[in-house]
N, C-alpha and C. Protein backbone atom coordinates (compact mmCIF):
# COMPACT_ATOMS: atom_id res chain seq x y z
N MET A 1 6.84 13.19 11.24
CA MET A 1 7.23 13.11 9.74
C MET A 1 6.15 12.48 8.96
N LEU A 2 5.77 13.15 7.81
CA LEU A 2 4.70 12.61 7.06
C LEU A 2 5.41 11.39 5.83
N PRO A 3 4.58 10.49 5.61
CA PRO A 3 5.35 9.57 4.58
C PRO A 3 5.24 10.38 3.29
N HIS A 4 6.14 9.77 2.38
CA HIS A 4 6.21 10.28 0.85
C HIS A 4 5.67 9.22 -0.10
N SER A 5 5.68 7.97 0.45
CA SER A 5 5.17 6.89 -0.26
C SER A 5 4.05 6.01 0.46
N LEU A 6 3.15 5.44 -0.39
CA LEU A 6 2.24 4.55 0.06
C LEU A 6 2.45 3.09 -0.51
N LEU A 7 2.39 2.24 0.30
CA LEU A 7 2.63 0.80 -0.25
C LEU A 7 1.42 0.12 -0.55
N ASP A 8 1.37 -0.37 -1.88
CA ASP A 8 0.25 -1.14 -2.26
C ASP A 8 0.42 -2.53 -1.56
N THR A 9 -0.82 -3.17 -1.11
CA THR A 9 -0.88 -4.35 -0.35
C THR A 9 0.21 -5.35 -0.80
N HIS A 10 0.18 -5.69 -1.98
CA HIS A 10 1.17 -6.77 -2.48
C HIS A 10 2.64 -6.37 -2.27
N VAL A 11 2.89 -5.25 -2.41
CA VAL A 11 4.27 -4.61 -2.07
C VAL A 11 4.65 -4.79 -0.64
N LEU A 12 3.70 -4.50 0.23
CA LEU A 12 3.89 -4.57 1.66
C LEU A 12 4.16 -5.85 1.92
N VAL A 13 3.29 -6.96 1.47
CA VAL A 13 3.52 -8.34 1.80
C VAL A 13 4.89 -8.73 1.21
N ARG A 14 5.04 -8.53 -0.02
CA ARG A 14 6.20 -9.09 -0.60
C ARG A 14 7.61 -8.55 0.09
N TRP A 15 7.48 -7.23 0.52
CA TRP A 15 8.59 -6.44 1.13
C TRP A 15 8.92 -7.31 2.36
N ARG A 16 7.90 -7.80 3.37
CA ARG A 16 8.13 -8.28 4.47
C ARG A 16 8.32 -9.94 4.42
N ILE A 17 7.90 -10.45 3.26
CA ILE A 17 8.18 -12.19 3.15
C ILE A 17 8.93 -12.42 1.81
N GLU A 18 8.79 -11.74 0.90
CA GLU A 18 9.64 -12.36 -0.42
C GLU A 18 10.23 -10.99 -1.15
N ALA A 19 10.90 -10.26 -0.51
CA ALA A 19 11.58 -8.97 -0.90
C ALA A 19 12.36 -9.11 -2.49
N ARG A 20 12.90 -10.36 -2.64
CA ARG A 20 13.40 -10.51 -4.08
C ARG A 20 12.51 -10.37 -5.21
N LYS A 21 11.06 -10.33 -4.82
CA LYS A 21 10.14 -10.27 -6.03
C LYS A 21 9.79 -8.91 -6.32
N LEU A 22 10.38 -8.06 -5.40
CA LEU A 22 10.28 -6.51 -5.85
C LEU A 22 11.12 -6.12 -6.85
N SER A 23 10.65 -4.89 -7.66
CA SER A 23 11.71 -4.51 -8.74
C SER A 23 12.81 -3.80 -7.84
N ARG A 24 13.89 -3.46 -8.78
CA ARG A 24 15.02 -2.68 -8.08
C ARG A 24 14.66 -1.36 -7.54
N GLU A 25 13.82 -0.80 -8.43
CA GLU A 25 13.39 0.59 -8.02
C GLU A 25 12.47 0.73 -6.91
N GLN A 26 11.65 -0.39 -6.75
CA GLN A 26 10.73 -0.59 -5.47
C GLN A 26 11.57 -0.72 -4.23
N LEU A 27 12.51 -1.76 -4.52
CA LEU A 27 13.52 -1.86 -3.23
C LEU A 27 14.38 -0.71 -2.74
N ARG A 28 14.76 0.10 -3.96
CA ARG A 28 15.42 1.24 -3.76
C ARG A 28 14.75 2.15 -2.77
N VAL A 29 13.53 2.54 -3.19
CA VAL A 29 12.52 3.38 -2.55
C VAL A 29 12.33 3.02 -0.97
N LEU A 30 12.12 1.61 -0.86
CA LEU A 30 11.87 1.10 0.48
C LEU A 30 13.08 1.23 1.33
N GLU A 31 14.17 0.60 0.79
CA GLU A 31 15.38 0.67 1.79
C GLU A 31 15.66 2.15 1.95
N ALA A 32 15.63 3.06 1.02
CA ALA A 32 16.07 4.37 1.26
C ALA A 32 15.23 5.13 2.36
N ALA A 33 14.11 4.82 2.16
CA ALA A 33 12.95 5.15 3.54
C ALA A 33 13.34 4.57 4.69
N ALA A 34 13.45 3.30 4.55
CA ALA A 34 13.87 2.74 6.03
C ALA A 34 15.25 3.23 6.52
N LEU A 35 16.26 3.52 5.88
CA LEU A 35 17.42 4.07 6.13
C LEU A 35 17.29 5.36 6.80
N ARG A 36 16.51 6.30 6.03
CA ARG A 36 16.34 7.66 6.43
C ARG A 36 15.15 7.78 7.53
N ARG A 37 14.71 6.63 8.08
CA ARG A 37 13.63 6.57 9.09
C ARG A 37 12.46 7.39 8.68
N GLU A 38 12.14 7.43 7.14
CA GLU A 38 11.12 8.05 6.51
C GLU A 38 9.91 7.05 6.76
N PRO A 39 8.82 7.47 7.39
CA PRO A 39 7.68 6.54 7.50
C PRO A 39 7.09 6.25 6.04
N LEU A 40 6.52 5.06 5.94
CA LEU A 40 5.92 4.55 4.77
C LEU A 40 4.59 4.50 5.00
N GLY A 41 3.65 4.83 4.12
CA GLY A 41 2.17 4.73 4.44
C GLY A 41 1.58 3.37 3.80
N VAL A 42 0.62 3.00 4.63
CA VAL A 42 -0.09 1.68 4.51
C VAL A 42 -1.57 1.86 4.41
N SER A 43 -2.32 1.93 3.39
CA SER A 43 -3.59 2.17 3.50
C SER A 43 -4.54 1.04 4.48
N ALA A 44 -5.45 1.57 5.26
CA ALA A 44 -6.10 0.64 6.18
C ALA A 44 -6.87 -0.36 5.31
N ILE A 45 -7.30 -0.27 4.17
CA ILE A 45 -7.95 -1.03 3.32
C ILE A 45 -7.06 -2.43 2.95
N GLY A 46 -5.75 -1.98 3.02
CA GLY A 46 -4.64 -2.95 2.76
C GLY A 46 -4.87 -4.17 3.87
N LEU A 47 -4.96 -3.72 5.10
CA LEU A 47 -5.04 -4.67 6.18
C LEU A 47 -6.46 -5.51 5.92
N LEU A 48 -7.42 -5.05 5.51
CA LEU A 48 -8.48 -5.68 5.08
C LEU A 48 -8.15 -6.80 4.19
N GLU A 49 -7.61 -6.45 3.06
CA GLU A 49 -7.31 -7.34 1.99
C GLU A 49 -6.34 -8.45 2.67
N ILE A 50 -5.22 -8.17 3.40
CA ILE A 50 -4.46 -9.14 3.94
C ILE A 50 -5.18 -10.12 4.73
N ALA A 51 -6.17 -9.58 5.49
CA ALA A 51 -6.85 -10.38 6.62
C ALA A 51 -7.81 -11.35 5.75
N VAL A 52 -8.41 -10.98 4.67
CA VAL A 52 -9.37 -11.69 3.89
C VAL A 52 -8.33 -12.83 3.24
N LEU A 53 -7.40 -12.37 2.56
CA LEU A 53 -6.50 -13.30 1.62
C LEU A 53 -5.97 -14.42 2.83
N THR A 54 -5.62 -14.13 3.88
CA THR A 54 -5.24 -15.12 4.78
C THR A 54 -6.17 -15.81 5.35
N SER A 55 -7.33 -15.39 5.58
CA SER A 55 -8.65 -16.41 6.00
C SER A 55 -8.90 -17.06 5.12
N GLU A 56 -8.97 -16.95 3.55
CA GLU A 56 -9.46 -17.62 2.57
C GLU A 56 -8.15 -18.65 2.22
N GLY A 57 -6.82 -18.50 2.80
CA GLY A 57 -6.05 -19.38 2.60
C GLY A 57 -5.25 -19.05 1.39
N ARG A 58 -5.40 -17.97 0.59
CA ARG A 58 -4.59 -17.52 -0.43
C ARG A 58 -3.35 -16.89 -0.07
N LEU A 59 -3.23 -16.49 1.14
CA LEU A 59 -1.83 -16.01 1.52
C LEU A 59 -1.56 -16.70 2.68
N LYS A 60 -0.26 -17.24 2.96
CA LYS A 60 0.29 -17.95 3.97
C LYS A 60 1.27 -17.03 4.65
N LEU A 61 0.62 -16.53 5.82
CA LEU A 61 1.51 -15.65 6.68
C LEU A 61 1.14 -15.78 8.07
N PRO A 62 1.84 -15.50 9.11
CA PRO A 62 1.21 -15.48 10.46
C PRO A 62 0.60 -14.21 10.74
N LEU A 63 -0.80 -14.18 10.47
CA LEU A 63 -1.41 -12.97 10.48
C LEU A 63 -1.14 -11.89 11.81
N GLU A 64 -1.46 -12.55 12.94
CA GLU A 64 -1.08 -11.85 14.20
C GLU A 64 0.30 -11.24 14.24
N GLU A 65 1.50 -11.93 14.03
CA GLU A 65 2.65 -11.58 13.82
C GLU A 65 2.87 -10.31 12.96
N PHE A 66 2.28 -10.60 11.89
CA PHE A 66 2.41 -9.73 10.86
C PHE A 66 1.82 -8.25 11.22
N PHE A 67 0.63 -8.35 11.86
CA PHE A 67 -0.02 -7.04 12.07
C PHE A 67 0.46 -6.42 13.35
N ASP A 68 1.00 -7.30 14.13
CA ASP A 68 1.83 -6.70 15.56
C ASP A 68 3.15 -6.07 14.94
N GLU A 69 3.84 -6.66 13.93
CA GLU A 69 5.05 -5.83 13.38
C GLU A 69 4.69 -4.54 12.72
N LEU A 70 3.65 -4.63 11.99
CA LEU A 70 3.04 -3.22 11.31
C LEU A 70 2.69 -2.15 12.37
N GLN A 71 1.97 -2.64 13.52
CA GLN A 71 1.94 -1.74 14.68
C GLN A 71 3.07 -1.27 15.41
N ALA A 72 4.17 -2.00 15.59
CA ALA A 72 5.27 -1.82 16.32
C ALA A 72 6.34 -1.13 15.60
N ASN A 73 6.32 -1.27 14.41
CA ASN A 73 7.57 -0.84 13.45
C ASN A 73 7.20 0.65 13.22
N PRO A 74 8.03 1.70 13.65
CA PRO A 74 7.80 2.99 13.29
C PRO A 74 7.78 3.45 11.70
N VAL A 75 8.31 2.62 10.91
CA VAL A 75 8.50 3.07 9.61
C VAL A 75 7.05 2.93 9.04
N PHE A 76 6.12 2.19 9.45
CA PHE A 76 4.74 2.16 8.93
C PHE A 76 3.85 3.11 9.51
N ARG A 77 3.13 3.74 8.64
CA ARG A 77 2.01 4.49 9.06
C ARG A 77 0.50 4.06 8.39
N ILE A 78 -0.15 3.61 9.37
CA ILE A 78 -1.55 3.03 8.76
C ILE A 78 -2.41 4.49 8.50
N LEU A 79 -2.97 4.38 7.29
CA LEU A 79 -3.61 5.59 7.02
C LEU A 79 -5.15 5.19 6.86
N PRO A 80 -5.89 5.89 7.81
CA PRO A 80 -7.35 5.51 7.75
C PRO A 80 -8.10 5.96 6.62
N LEU A 81 -9.27 4.88 6.21
CA LEU A 81 -10.21 5.53 5.25
C LEU A 81 -11.09 6.58 6.05
N ASN A 82 -11.23 7.68 5.39
CA ASN A 82 -12.20 8.75 5.94
C ASN A 82 -13.07 9.33 4.74
N CYS A 83 -13.72 10.43 5.14
CA CYS A 83 -14.85 10.89 4.31
C CYS A 83 -13.94 11.49 2.99
N GLU A 84 -12.85 11.86 3.02
CA GLU A 84 -12.17 12.64 2.04
C GLU A 84 -11.67 11.66 1.03
N ILE A 85 -11.30 10.60 1.64
CA ILE A 85 -10.73 9.38 0.82
C ILE A 85 -11.98 8.78 0.19
N ALA A 86 -13.14 8.53 0.81
CA ALA A 86 -14.19 7.96 0.18
C ALA A 86 -14.84 9.00 -1.09
N SER A 87 -14.83 10.13 -0.69
CA SER A 87 -15.21 11.06 -2.01
C SER A 87 -14.33 11.05 -3.13
N GLU A 88 -12.86 10.78 -2.79
CA GLU A 88 -11.90 10.82 -3.98
C GLU A 88 -12.13 9.35 -4.64
N ILE A 89 -12.58 8.22 -3.97
CA ILE A 89 -13.03 6.88 -4.44
C ILE A 89 -14.14 7.21 -5.65
N ALA A 90 -15.04 7.95 -5.01
CA ALA A 90 -16.41 8.07 -6.01
C ALA A 90 -15.95 8.96 -7.03
N SER A 91 -15.07 9.77 -7.13
CA SER A 91 -14.61 10.76 -8.08
C SER A 91 -13.69 9.83 -9.30
N LEU A 92 -13.17 8.81 -8.91
CA LEU A 92 -12.33 7.98 -9.79
C LEU A 92 -13.21 7.27 -10.78
N GLY A 93 -14.54 7.01 -10.49
CA GLY A 93 -15.48 6.46 -11.39
C GLY A 93 -15.17 5.04 -11.55
N ASN A 94 -15.30 4.50 -12.64
CA ASN A 94 -14.94 3.25 -13.17
C ASN A 94 -13.64 2.96 -13.59
N SER A 95 -12.57 3.78 -13.39
CA SER A 95 -11.23 3.67 -13.75
C SER A 95 -10.64 2.39 -13.49
N LEU A 96 -10.95 2.08 -12.15
CA LEU A 96 -10.34 0.75 -11.66
C LEU A 96 -11.49 -0.18 -11.10
N ARG A 97 -11.57 -1.35 -11.42
CA ARG A 97 -12.55 -2.17 -10.94
C ARG A 97 -12.76 -2.70 -9.57
N ASP A 98 -11.54 -2.96 -9.01
CA ASP A 98 -11.18 -3.48 -7.58
C ASP A 98 -11.46 -2.37 -6.64
N PRO A 99 -12.38 -2.57 -5.67
CA PRO A 99 -12.64 -1.52 -4.74
C PRO A 99 -11.33 -1.18 -3.71
N ALA A 100 -10.61 -2.21 -3.63
CA ALA A 100 -9.58 -1.96 -2.75
C ALA A 100 -8.44 -1.19 -3.39
N ASP A 101 -8.31 -1.26 -4.71
CA ASP A 101 -7.47 -0.55 -5.64
C ASP A 101 -7.77 0.92 -5.57
N ARG A 102 -9.14 1.06 -5.80
CA ARG A 102 -9.66 2.49 -5.82
C ARG A 102 -9.36 3.11 -4.39
N ALA A 103 -9.39 2.29 -3.51
CA ALA A 103 -9.34 3.11 -1.90
C ALA A 103 -7.68 3.25 -1.97
N ILE A 104 -7.11 2.28 -2.16
CA ILE A 104 -5.50 2.55 -2.24
C ILE A 104 -4.95 3.90 -3.10
N VAL A 105 -5.61 3.89 -4.45
CA VAL A 105 -5.21 5.06 -5.27
C VAL A 105 -5.69 6.37 -4.66
N ALA A 106 -6.85 6.30 -4.25
CA ALA A 106 -7.70 7.42 -3.66
C ALA A 106 -6.76 7.97 -2.34
N THR A 107 -6.22 6.95 -1.43
CA THR A 107 -5.52 7.42 -0.14
C THR A 107 -4.26 8.01 -0.91
N ALA A 108 -3.57 7.54 -1.74
CA ALA A 108 -2.36 7.97 -2.23
C ALA A 108 -2.64 9.51 -2.75
N ARG A 109 -3.82 9.75 -3.66
CA ARG A 109 -4.17 11.12 -4.07
C ARG A 109 -4.40 12.02 -3.11
N VAL A 110 -5.21 11.72 -2.05
CA VAL A 110 -5.68 12.52 -1.05
C VAL A 110 -4.19 13.01 -0.21
N HIS A 111 -3.48 12.18 0.11
CA HIS A 111 -2.22 12.44 0.86
C HIS A 111 -1.12 12.82 -0.04
N ARG A 112 -1.29 12.79 -1.30
CA ARG A 112 -0.37 13.28 -2.24
C ARG A 112 1.05 12.43 -2.07
N LEU A 113 0.80 11.18 -2.08
CA LEU A 113 2.08 10.20 -2.01
C LEU A 113 2.24 9.50 -3.19
N ARG A 114 3.22 9.05 -3.45
CA ARG A 114 3.47 8.26 -4.69
C ARG A 114 3.16 6.90 -4.33
N LEU A 115 2.51 5.90 -5.11
CA LEU A 115 2.28 4.71 -4.73
C LEU A 115 3.16 3.52 -5.18
N VAL A 116 3.63 2.92 -4.39
CA VAL A 116 4.66 1.61 -4.72
C VAL A 116 3.70 0.47 -5.08
N THR A 117 3.75 0.17 -6.34
CA THR A 117 2.81 -0.95 -6.66
C THR A 117 3.47 -1.75 -7.80
N SER A 118 2.94 -2.99 -7.93
CA SER A 118 3.24 -3.79 -9.18
C SER A 118 2.13 -3.81 -10.09
N ASP A 119 1.04 -3.36 -9.79
CA ASP A 119 -0.31 -3.61 -10.30
C ASP A 119 -0.34 -2.80 -11.60
N GLN A 120 -0.26 -3.55 -12.89
CA GLN A 120 -0.27 -2.84 -14.19
C GLN A 120 -1.31 -2.22 -14.38
N ARG A 121 -2.52 -2.42 -13.87
CA ARG A 121 -3.81 -1.54 -14.00
C ARG A 121 -3.76 -0.29 -13.33
N ILE A 122 -3.30 -0.28 -12.22
CA ILE A 122 -3.05 1.07 -11.48
C ILE A 122 -2.13 1.82 -12.29
N ILE A 123 -0.81 1.27 -12.53
CA ILE A 123 0.30 2.04 -13.28
C ILE A 123 -0.28 2.55 -14.57
N GLN A 124 -0.92 1.74 -15.32
CA GLN A 124 -1.48 2.22 -16.88
C GLN A 124 -2.58 3.28 -16.60
N SER A 125 -3.23 3.31 -15.56
CA SER A 125 -4.42 4.31 -15.29
C SER A 125 -3.81 5.71 -15.23
N LYS A 126 -2.53 5.90 -14.69
CA LYS A 126 -1.94 7.30 -14.41
C LYS A 126 -2.82 7.95 -13.56
N LEU A 127 -3.52 7.36 -12.69
CA LEU A 127 -4.32 8.22 -11.80
C LEU A 127 -3.52 8.83 -10.52
N VAL A 128 -2.24 8.25 -10.45
CA VAL A 128 -1.46 8.64 -9.42
C VAL A 128 0.08 8.26 -9.60
N ALA A 129 0.91 9.05 -9.05
CA ALA A 129 2.49 8.86 -9.28
C ALA A 129 2.65 7.35 -8.76
N THR A 130 3.32 6.55 -9.42
CA THR A 130 3.79 5.19 -9.18
C THR A 130 5.26 5.15 -9.08
N VAL A 131 5.52 3.94 -8.29
CA VAL A 131 6.96 3.42 -8.51
C VAL A 131 6.69 2.02 -8.72
N GLY A 132 7.06 1.44 -9.86
CA GLY A 132 6.75 0.30 -10.26
C GLY A 132 7.88 -0.70 -10.35
């Protein structure tokens, strides 16, 4: 089964450690997917973001446990960066400044997924369908 939604990095982290900070709509989508055992996409670039934020001390979480859970939990599907996504990143131009945001948006576009995000720049860009 293919995912219908892609989780932005911050949504993924919040859902696992601070779910109360998610919007009602975000929680509804995530809980419905989990209930239906529908996989949720996670961009591989998000793993890099989490690792960097943790190593810099800007994100406090047990990194190995977190990654082990992602790998063991069948609800999560890690979507790799590939040539098609890299080409899509290039086609986005300068509409988003953050390279990780570009990769996440491009991943959602290539896989035709809605992006569950709280990032207002991404939502306002209208480059991809979002759940905010």
